[in-house]
Amino acid sequence: MKPLDQAAIASFLERNIAQKQVFLNITDMTTWKKKHRVDDSTKVFIVKGGYGDIKRALKARGWVENKDLDSPCFDLKWTLKSKDIDANILDDKQIVNHFTKATSITTKVGLTHSLKNLIWFNNVDIDTFYPRCFDLGLEEEKEDFMQEFKAVKAACYMKIYVREMRECFDATANGLEPLKSTSVNEKIRKVAYKVCKKRVRDLDDLIDDPNAFD
């Protein structure tokens, strides 16, 4: 028996298997459903950017996919990029996964700046619930970050010193040979202590102290 030619098989399948037609430039949902023989009550979705799980989940619920990614005919449109959604032409019944002008809460830097301004509206200190963050693209926040880094480093030195001194006292109390010295030398300890002491002082005290920022 003569072996089958793969190219001939592919050509045969291409000619004989019905291809799903995509009707372009249709802007009316009713017309789109008629062209695609979709029931009026059936929901239509567009997914752009992959998201195979979302496609399968919607199809399992009886939704129909619109293959024209730029079509305005859909009930739900899910895209990777916000620019793929034209918010100006959406109607009240259409759902999308991006919102216009939402960068103030949907990006890390936007959320950080928004929360830092919260104190002016609700007298809420974000340091009580939000991790310390800095926008290094701004010169003033870059300086704040450097000061914060130095303060944290000073606190680390003091914690090491206190821990080692406590171990030394415990060793003495138990009749053991105490440590001769700590890993934090005296010069670093004094500087770290000064930084930490200034950090825990009340702002009003610092303002009234002429030597507070020396």
N, C-alpha and C. Protein backbone atom coordinates (compact mmCIF):
# COMPACT_ATOMS: atom_id res chain seq x y z
N MET A 1 0.85 -1.19 0.00
CA MET A 1 0.00 0.00 0.00
C MET A 1 0.89 1.24 0.00
N LYS A 2 0.59 2.16 -0.90
CA LYS A 2 1.39 3.37 -1.04
C LYS A 2 1.21 4.25 0.19
N PRO A 3 2.31 4.68 0.81
CA PRO A 3 2.19 5.52 2.00
C PRO A 3 1.50 6.85 1.68
N LEU A 4 0.73 7.35 2.66
CA LEU A 4 -0.02 8.58 2.45
C LEU A 4 0.92 9.79 2.46
N ASP A 5 0.66 10.68 1.58
CA ASP A 5 1.43 11.91 1.50
C ASP A 5 0.88 12.91 2.52
N GLN A 6 1.72 13.37 3.47
CA GLN A 6 1.27 14.27 4.54
C GLN A 6 0.76 15.60 4.00
N ALA A 7 1.40 16.12 2.98
CA ALA A 7 0.97 17.39 2.41
C ALA A 7 -0.40 17.26 1.77
N ALA A 8 -0.66 16.09 1.12
CA ALA A 8 -1.95 15.87 0.49
C ALA A 8 -3.05 15.76 1.53
N ILE A 9 -2.73 15.10 2.67
CA ILE A 9 -3.72 14.97 3.75
C ILE A 9 -4.07 16.35 4.31
N ALA A 10 -3.05 17.17 4.54
CA ALA A 10 -3.28 18.49 5.09
C ALA A 10 -4.13 19.34 4.14
N SER A 11 -3.86 19.22 2.84
CA SER A 11 -4.63 19.97 1.84
C SER A 11 -6.08 19.52 1.82
N PHE A 12 -6.29 18.18 1.93
CA PHE A 12 -7.64 17.63 1.92
C PHE A 12 -8.44 18.13 3.13
N LEU A 13 -7.80 18.10 4.31
CA LEU A 13 -8.49 18.55 5.53
C LEU A 13 -8.83 20.03 5.45
N GLU A 14 -7.92 20.82 4.92
CA GLU A 14 -8.15 22.26 4.82
C GLU A 14 -9.33 22.57 3.91
N ARG A 15 -9.50 21.76 2.84
CA ARG A 15 -10.59 22.00 1.89
C ARG A 15 -11.93 21.52 2.42
N ASN A 16 -11.92 20.47 3.24
CA ASN A 16 -13.17 19.82 3.60
C ASN A 16 -13.67 20.08 5.03
N ILE A 17 -12.79 20.53 5.93
CA ILE A 17 -13.24 20.83 7.28
C ILE A 17 -13.76 22.25 7.32
N ALA A 18 -14.95 22.41 7.83
CA ALA A 18 -15.59 23.72 7.87
C ALA A 18 -14.82 24.65 8.80
N GLN A 19 -14.50 25.82 8.30
CA GLN A 19 -13.80 26.80 9.10
C GLN A 19 -14.82 27.77 9.70
N LYS A 20 -14.59 28.12 10.98
CA LYS A 20 -15.49 29.06 11.62
C LYS A 20 -15.22 30.44 11.07
N GLN A 21 -16.24 31.08 10.52
CA GLN A 21 -16.07 32.37 9.89
C GLN A 21 -16.11 33.49 10.93
N VAL A 22 -15.22 34.44 10.77
CA VAL A 22 -15.21 35.60 11.65
C VAL A 22 -15.71 36.79 10.85
N PHE A 23 -16.84 37.36 11.27
CA PHE A 23 -17.43 38.50 10.58
C PHE A 23 -16.87 39.78 11.20
N LEU A 24 -16.14 40.53 10.42
CA LEU A 24 -15.53 41.76 10.90
C LEU A 24 -16.44 42.96 10.67
N ASN A 25 -16.15 44.04 11.38
CA ASN A 25 -16.82 45.33 11.20
C ASN A 25 -18.31 45.31 11.58
N ILE A 26 -18.71 44.36 12.38
CA ILE A 26 -20.08 44.36 12.91
C ILE A 26 -20.06 45.06 14.26
N THR A 27 -20.87 46.08 14.41
CA THR A 27 -20.87 46.86 15.64
C THR A 27 -22.13 46.66 16.47
N ASP A 28 -23.09 45.92 15.96
CA ASP A 28 -24.34 45.70 16.68
C ASP A 28 -24.39 44.26 17.18
N MET A 29 -24.65 44.08 18.48
CA MET A 29 -24.65 42.75 19.08
C MET A 29 -25.72 41.85 18.46
N THR A 30 -26.90 42.39 18.22
CA THR A 30 -27.97 41.58 17.63
C THR A 30 -27.57 41.05 16.27
N THR A 31 -26.97 41.90 15.46
CA THR A 31 -26.52 41.48 14.13
C THR A 31 -25.42 40.44 14.24
N TRP A 32 -24.49 40.65 15.19
CA TRP A 32 -23.39 39.70 15.38
C TRP A 32 -23.93 38.32 15.74
N LYS A 33 -24.90 38.27 16.63
CA LYS A 33 -25.45 36.98 17.06
C LYS A 33 -26.19 36.29 15.93
N LYS A 34 -26.87 37.06 15.10
CA LYS A 34 -27.56 36.46 13.95
C LYS A 34 -26.55 35.87 12.97
N LYS A 35 -25.48 36.60 12.69
CA LYS A 35 -24.47 36.13 11.76
C LYS A 35 -23.81 34.84 12.25
N HIS A 36 -23.63 34.74 13.56
CA HIS A 36 -22.95 33.58 14.14
C HIS A 36 -23.92 32.54 14.68
N ARG A 37 -25.20 32.75 14.44
CA ARG A 37 -26.24 31.82 14.86
C ARG A 37 -26.16 31.55 16.38
N VAL A 38 -26.07 32.62 17.10
CA VAL A 38 -26.00 32.56 18.56
C VAL A 38 -27.33 33.02 19.14
N ASP A 39 -27.83 32.31 20.11
CA ASP A 39 -29.10 32.67 20.75
C ASP A 39 -29.01 34.04 21.43
N ASP A 40 -30.11 34.76 21.43
CA ASP A 40 -30.11 36.11 22.00
C ASP A 40 -29.74 36.14 23.48
N SER A 41 -30.05 35.08 24.20
CA SER A 41 -29.79 35.05 25.64
C SER A 41 -28.36 34.62 25.99
N THR A 42 -27.59 34.21 24.99
CA THR A 42 -26.23 33.72 25.23
C THR A 42 -25.26 34.87 25.42
N LYS A 43 -24.38 34.73 26.41
CA LYS A 43 -23.38 35.75 26.69
C LYS A 43 -22.18 35.59 25.75
N VAL A 44 -21.58 36.72 25.38
CA VAL A 44 -20.45 36.73 24.46
C VAL A 44 -19.23 37.34 25.15
N PHE A 45 -18.07 36.75 24.93
CA PHE A 45 -16.86 37.27 25.55
C PHE A 45 -15.72 37.40 24.55
N ILE A 46 -14.78 38.28 24.87
CA ILE A 46 -13.54 38.44 24.12
C ILE A 46 -12.40 38.35 25.12
N VAL A 47 -11.41 37.51 24.81
CA VAL A 47 -10.23 37.38 25.65
C VAL A 47 -9.00 37.63 24.79
N LYS A 48 -8.15 38.57 25.23
CA LYS A 48 -6.96 38.92 24.47
C LYS A 48 -5.75 38.84 25.38
N GLY A 49 -4.74 38.09 24.95
CA GLY A 49 -3.52 38.00 25.74
C GLY A 49 -3.32 36.65 26.41
N GLY A 50 -3.96 35.62 25.88
CA GLY A 50 -3.84 34.29 26.47
C GLY A 50 -5.04 33.95 27.33
N TYR A 51 -4.79 33.69 28.62
CA TYR A 51 -5.86 33.39 29.59
C TYR A 51 -6.72 32.20 29.16
N GLY A 52 -6.05 31.10 28.89
CA GLY A 52 -6.77 29.90 28.47
C GLY A 52 -7.75 29.40 29.52
N ASP A 53 -7.40 29.54 30.80
CA ASP A 53 -8.29 29.08 31.86
C ASP A 53 -9.60 29.86 31.88
N ILE A 54 -9.49 31.18 31.63
CA ILE A 54 -10.70 32.01 31.61
C ILE A 54 -11.58 31.62 30.43
N LYS A 55 -10.97 31.39 29.29
CA LYS A 55 -11.74 30.97 28.11
C LYS A 55 -12.50 29.68 28.40
N ARG A 56 -11.80 28.68 28.94
CA ARG A 56 -12.44 27.39 29.20
C ARG A 56 -13.54 27.51 30.24
N ALA A 57 -13.32 28.34 31.25
CA ALA A 57 -14.33 28.52 32.30
C ALA A 57 -15.59 29.17 31.74
N LEU A 58 -15.43 30.16 30.87
CA LEU A 58 -16.59 30.84 30.29
C LEU A 58 -17.35 29.92 29.33
N LYS A 59 -16.59 29.18 28.52
CA LYS A 59 -17.25 28.26 27.59
C LYS A 59 -18.00 27.16 28.34
N ALA A 60 -17.47 26.73 29.47
CA ALA A 60 -18.14 25.71 30.28
C ALA A 60 -19.46 26.22 30.84
N ARG A 61 -19.58 27.54 30.94
CA ARG A 61 -20.81 28.16 31.43
C ARG A 61 -21.76 28.53 30.30
N GLY A 62 -21.40 28.16 29.07
CA GLY A 62 -22.29 28.40 27.95
C GLY A 62 -22.04 29.70 27.21
N TRP A 63 -20.95 30.39 27.54
CA TRP A 63 -20.63 31.63 26.84
C TRP A 63 -20.03 31.31 25.47
N VAL A 64 -20.11 32.28 24.56
CA VAL A 64 -19.57 32.13 23.21
C VAL A 64 -18.47 33.17 23.02
N GLU A 65 -17.38 32.72 22.39
CA GLU A 65 -16.25 33.62 22.19
C GLU A 65 -16.36 34.37 20.87
N ASN A 66 -16.11 35.68 20.94
CA ASN A 66 -16.01 36.51 19.75
C ASN A 66 -14.54 36.57 19.37
N LYS A 67 -14.19 36.01 18.22
CA LYS A 67 -12.79 35.92 17.79
C LYS A 67 -12.23 37.25 17.30
N ASP A 68 -13.11 38.20 16.98
CA ASP A 68 -12.66 39.51 16.54
C ASP A 68 -12.27 40.32 17.78
N LEU A 69 -10.98 40.41 18.04
CA LEU A 69 -10.49 41.01 19.29
C LEU A 69 -10.80 42.50 19.41
N ASP A 70 -11.07 43.16 18.29
CA ASP A 70 -11.37 44.59 18.32
C ASP A 70 -12.86 44.89 18.20
N SER A 71 -13.66 43.85 18.22
CA SER A 71 -15.10 44.02 18.07
C SER A 71 -15.73 44.65 19.31
N PRO A 72 -16.74 45.51 19.12
CA PRO A 72 -17.46 46.08 20.26
C PRO A 72 -18.59 45.18 20.74
N CYS A 73 -18.71 43.99 20.13
CA CYS A 73 -19.81 43.07 20.46
C CYS A 73 -19.35 42.07 21.51
N PHE A 74 -19.63 42.35 22.76
CA PHE A 74 -19.26 41.44 23.84
C PHE A 74 -20.01 41.84 25.11
N ASP A 75 -20.15 40.87 25.99
CA ASP A 75 -20.66 41.14 27.33
C ASP A 75 -19.51 41.27 28.32
N LEU A 76 -18.42 40.54 28.04
CA LEU A 76 -17.23 40.59 28.87
C LEU A 76 -16.00 40.63 27.98
N LYS A 77 -15.08 41.56 28.28
CA LYS A 77 -13.80 41.61 27.56
C LYS A 77 -12.68 41.60 28.58
N TRP A 78 -11.77 40.61 28.42
CA TRP A 78 -10.67 40.41 29.36
C TRP A 78 -9.37 40.51 28.59
N THR A 79 -8.55 41.49 28.92
CA THR A 79 -7.32 41.72 28.17
C THR A 79 -6.12 41.84 29.11
N LEU A 80 -4.94 41.64 28.54
CA LEU A 80 -3.72 41.80 29.31
C LEU A 80 -3.38 43.26 29.51
N LYS A 81 -3.58 44.08 28.49
CA LYS A 81 -3.21 45.49 28.54
C LYS A 81 -4.46 46.36 28.56
N SER A 82 -4.40 47.41 29.35
CA SER A 82 -5.55 48.31 29.46
C SER A 82 -5.82 49.07 28.16
N LYS A 83 -4.77 49.28 27.35
CA LYS A 83 -4.96 50.02 26.10
C LYS A 83 -5.80 49.25 25.09
N ASP A 84 -6.01 47.96 25.31
CA ASP A 84 -6.83 47.16 24.40
C ASP A 84 -8.32 47.33 24.67
N ILE A 85 -8.65 48.16 25.64
CA ILE A 85 -10.06 48.43 25.97
C ILE A 85 -10.34 49.91 25.76
N ASP A 86 -11.31 50.21 24.92
CA ASP A 86 -11.72 51.59 24.68
C ASP A 86 -12.89 51.91 25.60
N ALA A 87 -12.59 52.55 26.71
CA ALA A 87 -13.64 52.83 27.71
C ALA A 87 -14.68 53.83 27.21
N ASN A 88 -14.36 54.57 26.15
CA ASN A 88 -15.28 55.59 25.66
C ASN A 88 -16.48 55.01 24.92
N ILE A 89 -16.39 53.75 24.49
CA ILE A 89 -17.50 53.18 23.71
C ILE A 89 -18.22 52.07 24.47
N LEU A 90 -17.89 51.87 25.73
CA LEU A 90 -18.55 50.82 26.51
C LEU A 90 -19.97 51.24 26.87
N ASP A 91 -20.87 50.26 26.88
CA ASP A 91 -22.21 50.57 27.38
C ASP A 91 -22.35 50.03 28.80
N ASP A 92 -23.48 50.31 29.43
CA ASP A 92 -23.67 49.99 30.84
C ASP A 92 -23.65 48.50 31.14
N LYS A 93 -23.94 47.66 30.15
CA LYS A 93 -24.03 46.22 30.38
C LYS A 93 -22.72 45.48 30.12
N GLN A 94 -21.74 46.16 29.59
CA GLN A 94 -20.47 45.51 29.26
C GLN A 94 -19.51 45.54 30.46
N ILE A 95 -18.78 44.44 30.64
CA ILE A 95 -17.84 44.31 31.75
C ILE A 95 -16.43 44.12 31.19
N VAL A 96 -15.47 44.84 31.78
CA VAL A 96 -14.07 44.73 31.38
C VAL A 96 -13.21 44.58 32.64
N ASN A 97 -11.97 44.17 32.46
CA ASN A 97 -11.09 43.94 33.62
C ASN A 97 -10.08 45.05 33.84
N HIS A 98 -10.29 46.20 33.19
CA HIS A 98 -9.42 47.36 33.42
C HIS A 98 -10.29 48.60 33.62
N PHE A 99 -9.80 49.53 34.41
CA PHE A 99 -10.51 50.76 34.69
C PHE A 99 -9.64 51.94 34.29
N THR A 100 -10.25 52.97 33.76
CA THR A 100 -9.50 54.15 33.35
C THR A 100 -9.08 54.97 34.57
N LYS A 101 -7.92 55.58 34.47
CA LYS A 101 -7.39 56.48 35.51
C LYS A 101 -7.36 55.82 36.89
N ALA A 102 -6.97 54.55 36.91
CA ALA A 102 -6.95 53.81 38.17
C ALA A 102 -5.54 53.57 38.69
N THR A 103 -4.55 54.22 38.08
CA THR A 103 -3.17 53.97 38.49
C THR A 103 -2.88 54.42 39.92
N SER A 104 -3.72 55.31 40.48
CA SER A 104 -3.50 55.78 41.84
C SER A 104 -3.75 54.69 42.87
N ILE A 105 -4.42 53.62 42.47
CA ILE A 105 -4.65 52.51 43.40
C ILE A 105 -4.23 51.16 42.84
N THR A 106 -3.98 51.07 41.54
CA THR A 106 -3.65 49.77 40.94
C THR A 106 -2.16 49.60 40.66
N THR A 107 -1.35 50.61 40.92
CA THR A 107 0.10 50.47 40.82
C THR A 107 0.72 50.69 42.19
N LYS A 108 1.88 50.11 42.43
CA LYS A 108 2.51 50.22 43.74
C LYS A 108 2.85 51.67 44.08
N VAL A 109 3.44 52.38 43.10
CA VAL A 109 3.83 53.76 43.38
C VAL A 109 2.60 54.64 43.53
N GLY A 110 1.56 54.38 42.73
CA GLY A 110 0.33 55.17 42.84
C GLY A 110 -0.36 54.96 44.17
N LEU A 111 -0.43 53.70 44.60
CA LEU A 111 -1.05 53.40 45.89
C LEU A 111 -0.27 54.02 47.03
N THR A 112 1.05 53.97 46.95
CA THR A 112 1.89 54.54 48.01
C THR A 112 1.66 56.04 48.15
N HIS A 113 1.65 56.75 47.02
CA HIS A 113 1.42 58.19 47.08
C HIS A 113 0.02 58.52 47.58
N SER A 114 -0.95 57.74 47.18
CA SER A 114 -2.33 57.98 47.63
C SER A 114 -2.45 57.80 49.14
N LEU A 115 -1.82 56.74 49.67
CA LEU A 115 -1.90 56.48 51.10
C LEU A 115 -1.12 57.51 51.91
N LYS A 116 -0.04 58.01 51.34
CA LYS A 116 0.72 59.05 52.05
C LYS A 116 -0.08 60.34 52.17
N ASN A 117 -0.98 60.58 51.24
CA ASN A 117 -1.84 61.77 51.31
C ASN A 117 -3.07 61.53 52.18
N LEU A 118 -3.24 60.31 52.65
CA LEU A 118 -4.42 59.97 53.44
C LEU A 118 -4.51 60.78 54.73
N ILE A 119 -3.37 61.13 55.29
CA ILE A 119 -3.37 61.85 56.56
C ILE A 119 -4.01 63.23 56.43
N TRP A 120 -4.02 63.80 55.23
CA TRP A 120 -4.61 65.13 55.02
C TRP A 120 -6.13 65.07 54.91
N PHE A 121 -6.67 63.86 54.70
CA PHE A 121 -8.11 63.72 54.52
C PHE A 121 -8.80 63.02 55.69
N ASN A 122 -8.12 62.04 56.29
CA ASN A 122 -8.73 61.27 57.38
C ASN A 122 -7.86 61.18 58.63
N ASN A 123 -6.75 61.92 58.65
CA ASN A 123 -5.86 61.93 59.80
C ASN A 123 -5.42 60.51 60.18
N VAL A 124 -5.03 59.74 59.16
CA VAL A 124 -4.58 58.36 59.35
C VAL A 124 -3.10 58.27 59.01
N ASP A 125 -2.31 57.72 59.91
CA ASP A 125 -0.88 57.53 59.69
C ASP A 125 -0.66 56.18 59.03
N ILE A 126 -0.18 56.17 57.79
CA ILE A 126 -0.05 54.90 57.06
C ILE A 126 1.03 54.01 57.65
N ASP A 127 1.94 54.59 58.43
CA ASP A 127 3.00 53.77 59.04
C ASP A 127 2.45 52.78 60.05
N THR A 128 1.19 52.96 60.45
CA THR A 128 0.57 52.03 61.41
C THR A 128 0.05 50.76 60.75
N PHE A 129 -0.05 50.76 59.40
CA PHE A 129 -0.60 49.57 58.73
C PHE A 129 0.03 49.27 57.38
N TYR A 130 0.87 50.16 56.85
CA TYR A 130 1.41 49.99 55.50
C TYR A 130 2.94 49.96 55.57
N PRO A 131 3.59 49.02 54.87
CA PRO A 131 5.07 48.95 54.90
C PRO A 131 5.69 50.26 54.41
N ARG A 132 6.83 50.60 54.96
CA ARG A 132 7.52 51.82 54.53
C ARG A 132 7.95 51.69 53.07
N CYS A 133 7.55 52.64 52.27
CA CYS A 133 7.86 52.62 50.84
C CYS A 133 8.34 53.99 50.40
N PHE A 134 9.16 53.99 49.37
CA PHE A 134 9.71 55.25 48.87
C PHE A 134 9.73 55.22 47.34
N ASP A 135 9.41 56.36 46.75
CA ASP A 135 9.50 56.52 45.30
C ASP A 135 10.86 57.13 44.99
N LEU A 136 11.80 56.30 44.59
CA LEU A 136 13.17 56.76 44.38
C LEU A 136 13.31 57.62 43.12
N GLY A 137 12.22 57.75 42.37
CA GLY A 137 12.24 58.65 41.24
C GLY A 137 12.12 60.11 41.65
N LEU A 138 11.72 60.35 42.90
CA LEU A 138 11.60 61.70 43.44
C LEU A 138 12.78 61.99 44.36
N GLU A 139 13.42 63.13 44.15
CA GLU A 139 14.64 63.44 44.89
C GLU A 139 14.39 63.51 46.40
N GLU A 140 13.26 64.10 46.80
CA GLU A 140 13.00 64.23 48.24
C GLU A 140 12.76 62.87 48.90
N GLU A 141 12.13 61.95 48.17
CA GLU A 141 11.90 60.62 48.74
C GLU A 141 13.17 59.78 48.72
N LYS A 142 14.06 60.06 47.79
CA LYS A 142 15.36 59.39 47.78
C LYS A 142 16.13 59.74 49.05
N GLU A 143 16.06 61.02 49.44
CA GLU A 143 16.72 61.46 50.67
C GLU A 143 16.07 60.81 51.89
N ASP A 144 14.73 60.71 51.87
CA ASP A 144 14.03 60.05 52.97
C ASP A 144 14.45 58.59 53.09
N PHE A 145 14.62 57.94 51.94
CA PHE A 145 15.04 56.53 51.95
C PHE A 145 16.43 56.38 52.56
N MET A 146 17.34 57.28 52.20
CA MET A 146 18.70 57.21 52.74
C MET A 146 18.69 57.39 54.25
N GLN A 147 17.89 58.33 54.73
CA GLN A 147 17.81 58.55 56.17
C GLN A 147 17.18 57.35 56.88
N GLU A 148 16.17 56.76 56.25
CA GLU A 148 15.52 55.58 56.83
C GLU A 148 16.49 54.41 56.88
N PHE A 149 17.26 54.23 55.82
CA PHE A 149 18.25 53.14 55.78
C PHE A 149 19.27 53.30 56.90
N LYS A 150 19.77 54.52 57.09
CA LYS A 150 20.75 54.77 58.15
C LYS A 150 20.15 54.50 59.53
N ALA A 151 18.90 54.92 59.71
CA ALA A 151 18.25 54.72 61.01
C ALA A 151 18.05 53.25 61.31
N VAL A 152 17.64 52.49 60.32
CA VAL A 152 17.43 51.04 60.50
C VAL A 152 18.76 50.35 60.78
N LYS A 153 19.80 50.77 60.07
CA LYS A 153 21.13 50.18 60.31
C LYS A 153 21.60 50.47 61.72
N ALA A 154 21.35 51.68 62.21
CA ALA A 154 21.73 52.04 63.58
C ALA A 154 20.96 51.18 64.59
N ALA A 155 19.67 50.98 64.32
CA ALA A 155 18.87 50.14 65.22
C ALA A 155 19.38 48.70 65.24
N CYS A 156 19.85 48.21 64.09
CA CYS A 156 20.40 46.85 64.03
C CYS A 156 21.66 46.73 64.89
N TYR A 157 22.52 47.75 64.81
CA TYR A 157 23.73 47.73 65.63
C TYR A 157 23.39 47.71 67.12
N MET A 158 22.39 48.50 67.51
CA MET A 158 22.00 48.55 68.92
C MET A 158 21.40 47.22 69.38
N LYS A 159 20.65 46.57 68.51
CA LYS A 159 20.07 45.27 68.86
C LYS A 159 21.17 44.23 69.05
N ILE A 160 22.17 44.26 68.19
CA ILE A 160 23.31 43.33 68.32
C ILE A 160 24.05 43.59 69.64
N TYR A 161 24.27 44.87 69.92
CA TYR A 161 25.00 45.23 71.14
C TYR A 161 24.23 44.78 72.38
N VAL A 162 22.93 45.07 72.43
CA VAL A 162 22.11 44.70 73.59
C VAL A 162 22.06 43.19 73.76
N ARG A 163 21.93 42.45 72.64
CA ARG A 163 21.87 40.99 72.73
C ARG A 163 23.17 40.42 73.29
N GLU A 164 24.29 40.93 72.79
CA GLU A 164 25.58 40.41 73.24
C GLU A 164 25.87 40.80 74.70
N MET A 165 25.43 41.99 75.10
CA MET A 165 25.60 42.39 76.50
C MET A 165 24.73 41.53 77.41
N ARG A 166 23.53 41.20 76.95
CA ARG A 166 22.65 40.33 77.74
C ARG A 166 23.28 38.94 77.90
N GLU A 167 23.86 38.43 76.81
CA GLU A 167 24.54 37.13 76.88
C GLU A 167 25.73 37.20 77.84
N CYS A 168 26.39 38.35 77.87
CA CYS A 168 27.52 38.52 78.77
C CYS A 168 27.07 38.50 80.23
N PHE A 169 25.97 39.19 80.52
CA PHE A 169 25.44 39.22 81.88
C PHE A 169 24.97 37.83 82.31
N ASP A 170 24.33 37.11 81.38
CA ASP A 170 23.86 35.76 81.70
C ASP A 170 25.03 34.83 82.00
N ALA A 171 26.10 34.98 81.22
CA ALA A 171 27.28 34.15 81.44
C ALA A 171 27.89 34.44 82.81
N THR A 172 27.94 35.71 83.19
CA THR A 172 28.50 36.08 84.50
C THR A 172 27.63 35.54 85.63
N ALA A 173 26.29 35.63 85.46
CA ALA A 173 25.38 35.15 86.49
C ALA A 173 25.48 33.65 86.69
N ASN A 174 25.85 32.94 85.63
CA ASN A 174 25.95 31.48 85.71
C ASN A 174 27.38 31.01 85.98
N GLY A 175 28.25 31.93 86.32
CA GLY A 175 29.61 31.57 86.65
C GLY A 175 30.47 31.21 85.46
N LEU A 176 30.05 31.63 84.26
CA LEU A 176 30.80 31.33 83.05
C LEU A 176 31.68 32.51 82.68
N GLU A 177 32.61 32.26 81.79
CA GLU A 177 33.50 33.31 81.33
C GLU A 177 32.74 34.26 80.40
N PRO A 178 32.57 35.53 80.76
CA PRO A 178 31.82 36.44 79.89
C PRO A 178 32.62 36.85 78.66
N LEU A 179 31.91 37.46 77.70
CA LEU A 179 32.58 37.94 76.50
C LEU A 179 33.53 39.08 76.85
N LYS A 180 34.69 39.08 76.23
CA LYS A 180 35.65 40.15 76.47
C LYS A 180 35.23 41.45 75.82
N SER A 181 34.56 41.33 74.64
CA SER A 181 34.09 42.51 73.91
C SER A 181 32.96 42.10 72.98
N THR A 182 32.21 43.06 72.51
CA THR A 182 31.13 42.77 71.56
C THR A 182 31.62 43.01 70.14
N SER A 183 30.80 42.58 69.17
CA SER A 183 31.16 42.78 67.76
C SER A 183 30.90 44.21 67.31
N VAL A 184 30.26 45.03 68.17
CA VAL A 184 30.01 46.44 67.86
C VAL A 184 31.01 47.28 68.63
N ASN A 185 31.91 47.94 67.92
CA ASN A 185 32.92 48.73 68.64
C ASN A 185 32.29 49.98 69.26
N GLU A 186 33.02 50.60 70.13
CA GLU A 186 32.49 51.69 70.94
C GLU A 186 32.08 52.90 70.09
N LYS A 187 32.83 53.19 69.06
CA LYS A 187 32.51 54.34 68.20
C LYS A 187 31.18 54.14 67.49
N ILE A 188 30.99 52.94 66.92
CA ILE A 188 29.74 52.65 66.22
C ILE A 188 28.57 52.63 67.20
N ARG A 189 28.81 52.10 68.39
CA ARG A 189 27.73 52.03 69.38
C ARG A 189 27.25 53.43 69.77
N LYS A 190 28.17 54.36 69.95
CA LYS A 190 27.79 55.71 70.35
C LYS A 190 26.98 56.41 69.25
N VAL A 191 27.45 56.25 68.02
CA VAL A 191 26.72 56.86 66.89
C VAL A 191 25.33 56.24 66.75
N ALA A 192 25.26 54.92 66.82
CA ALA A 192 23.98 54.22 66.69
C ALA A 192 23.03 54.62 67.81
N TYR A 193 23.56 54.76 69.02
CA TYR A 193 22.72 55.16 70.16
C TYR A 193 22.17 56.57 69.95
N LYS A 194 23.00 57.46 69.46
CA LYS A 194 22.57 58.84 69.22
C LYS A 194 21.46 58.89 68.16
N VAL A 195 21.63 58.11 67.08
CA VAL A 195 20.62 58.07 66.02
C VAL A 195 19.30 57.51 66.53
N CYS A 196 19.37 56.42 67.28
CA CYS A 196 18.15 55.79 67.80
C CYS A 196 17.45 56.69 68.82
N LYS A 197 18.22 57.36 69.64
CA LYS A 197 17.64 58.26 70.64
C LYS A 197 16.89 59.40 69.96
N LYS A 198 17.49 59.94 68.89
CA LYS A 198 16.83 61.02 68.15
C LYS A 198 15.57 60.52 67.45
N ARG A 199 15.61 59.28 66.99
CA ARG A 199 14.49 58.71 66.23
C ARG A 199 13.25 58.52 67.10
N VAL A 200 13.43 58.22 68.36
CA VAL A 200 12.27 57.96 69.23
C VAL A 200 11.76 59.22 69.91
N ARG A 201 12.44 60.34 69.72
CA ARG A 201 11.99 61.58 70.35
C ARG A 201 10.77 62.14 69.64
N ASP A 202 9.96 62.84 70.38
CA ASP A 202 8.76 63.47 69.83
C ASP A 202 9.17 64.61 68.89
N LEU A 203 8.40 64.80 67.84
CA LEU A 203 8.73 65.83 66.84
C LEU A 203 8.75 67.21 67.46
N ASP A 204 7.83 67.49 68.39
CA ASP A 204 7.81 68.81 69.04
C ASP A 204 9.10 69.07 69.80
N ASP A 205 9.63 68.04 70.47
CA ASP A 205 10.89 68.20 71.19
C ASP A 205 12.05 68.47 70.24
N LEU A 206 12.04 67.79 69.09
CA LEU A 206 13.11 67.99 68.12
C LEU A 206 13.08 69.41 67.55
N ILE A 207 11.89 69.92 67.32
CA ILE A 207 11.78 71.27 66.76
C ILE A 207 12.30 72.32 67.74
N ASP A 208 12.03 72.10 69.02
CA ASP A 208 12.45 73.07 70.04
C ASP A 208 13.92 72.93 70.42
N ASP A 209 14.54 71.82 70.04
CA ASP A 209 15.93 71.59 70.40
C ASP A 209 16.85 72.14 69.31
N PRO A 210 17.66 73.15 69.60
CA PRO A 210 18.53 73.75 68.55
C PRO A 210 19.62 72.80 68.07
N ASN A 211 19.95 71.77 68.87
CA ASN A 211 21.01 70.85 68.49
C ASN A 211 20.50 69.49 67.98
N ALA A 212 19.18 69.42 67.78
CA ALA A 212 18.58 68.12 67.44
C ALA A 212 19.05 67.60 66.10
N PHE A 213 19.34 68.47 65.16
CA PHE A 213 19.66 68.03 63.81
C PHE A 213 21.14 68.22 63.47
N ASP A 214 21.94 68.30 64.49
CA ASP A 214 23.39 68.41 64.25
C ASP A 214 23.95 67.09 63.76
